[in-house]
């Protein structure tokens, strides 16, 4: 993850935590206050994501845990 993506992620989380609507302008304002210079398109991309997806769902979404084939077959390579 790039510094730009990480900065926008944290900015969006700050706005979400404070119940403030997540907009490109507000993300850019937070990044400017943090003295973080990023490409101008990043805040807009994150704001569009926040419009389309529920941030809480993104936060709470746990990665899928894949089981190995050994576990599925009931024995391991060195059993």
Protein backbone atom coordinates (compact mmCIF):
# COMPACT_ATOMS: atom_id res chain seq x y z
CA UNK A 1 0.00 0.00 0.00
CA UNK A 2 1.39 3.40 -0.95
CA UNK A 3 1.69 6.37 1.38
CA UNK A 4 -1.12 8.06 -0.57
CA UNK A 5 -3.47 5.11 -0.10
CA UNK A 6 -2.59 4.78 3.56
CA UNK A 7 -3.11 8.48 4.19
CA UNK A 8 -6.51 8.44 2.50
CA UNK A 9 -7.48 5.32 4.41
CA UNK A 10 -6.67 6.92 7.75
CA UNK A 11 -8.40 10.16 6.75
CA UNK A 12 -11.56 8.27 5.75
CA UNK A 13 -11.50 6.34 9.03
CA UNK A 14 -11.12 9.56 11.02
CA UNK A 15 -14.09 11.10 9.23
CA UNK A 16 -16.15 7.94 9.70
CA UNK A 17 -15.29 7.75 13.40
CA UNK A 18 -16.42 11.34 13.90
CA UNK A 19 -19.65 10.76 11.93
CA UNK A 20 -18.60 13.26 9.27
CA UNK A 21 -19.50 12.62 5.66
CA UNK A 22 -16.54 11.31 3.70
CA UNK A 23 -15.85 13.63 0.78
CA UNK A 24 -12.80 14.24 -1.35
CA UNK A 25 -12.49 17.76 0.03
CA UNK A 26 -12.55 16.61 3.64
CA UNK A 27 -10.02 13.85 2.99
CA UNK A 28 -7.76 16.37 1.24
CA UNK A 29 -8.13 18.80 4.15
CA UNK A 30 -7.07 16.18 6.68
CA UNK A 31 -4.10 15.15 4.55
CA UNK A 32 -3.04 18.78 4.16
CA UNK A 33 -3.30 19.27 7.93
CA UNK A 34 -1.06 16.22 8.36
CA UNK A 35 1.39 17.78 5.88
CA UNK A 36 1.03 14.80 3.58
CA UNK A 37 1.29 15.58 -0.12
CA UNK A 38 -0.35 13.05 -2.42
CA UNK A 39 -1.59 12.85 -5.97
CA UNK A 40 -4.82 14.82 -6.37
CA UNK A 41 -6.91 11.86 -7.57
CA UNK A 42 -6.62 9.76 -4.39
CA UNK A 43 -9.15 11.63 -2.18
CA UNK A 44 -11.78 11.41 -4.91
CA UNK A 45 -11.27 7.67 -5.31
CA UNK A 46 -11.67 7.06 -1.59
CA UNK A 47 -14.72 9.33 -1.40
CA UNK A 48 -16.36 7.37 -4.24
CA UNK A 49 -15.61 4.12 -2.42
CA UNK A 50 -17.22 5.51 0.73
CA UNK A 51 -20.34 6.40 -1.29
CA UNK A 52 -20.69 2.88 -2.67
CA UNK A 53 -19.62 0.75 0.30
CA UNK A 54 -20.53 0.81 3.96
CA UNK A 55 -17.31 1.71 5.81
CA UNK A 56 -18.30 -0.38 8.83
CA UNK A 57 -18.68 -3.42 6.59
CA UNK A 58 -15.20 -2.80 5.19
CA UNK A 59 -13.76 -2.50 8.69
CA UNK A 60 -15.47 -5.61 10.01
CA UNK A 61 -14.85 -7.75 6.93
CA UNK A 62 -12.42 -10.46 7.94
CA UNK A 63 -10.35 -12.10 5.23
CA UNK A 64 -11.48 -15.54 4.16
CA UNK A 65 -9.41 -18.21 5.89
CA UNK A 66 -8.50 -20.86 3.35
CA UNK A 67 -8.00 -24.42 4.52
CA UNK A 68 -5.11 -26.37 3.14
CA UNK A 69 -5.65 -29.58 1.21
CA UNK A 70 -4.00 -31.57 4.01
CA UNK A 71 -6.71 -30.48 6.44
CA UNK A 72 -9.43 -31.35 3.95
CA UNK A 73 -8.06 -34.88 3.46
CA UNK A 74 -7.66 -35.53 7.17
CA UNK A 75 -3.88 -36.16 7.08
CA UNK A 76 -0.70 -34.19 6.55
CA UNK A 77 2.35 -34.76 4.40
CA UNK A 78 4.42 -36.16 7.28
CA UNK A 79 1.74 -38.12 9.17
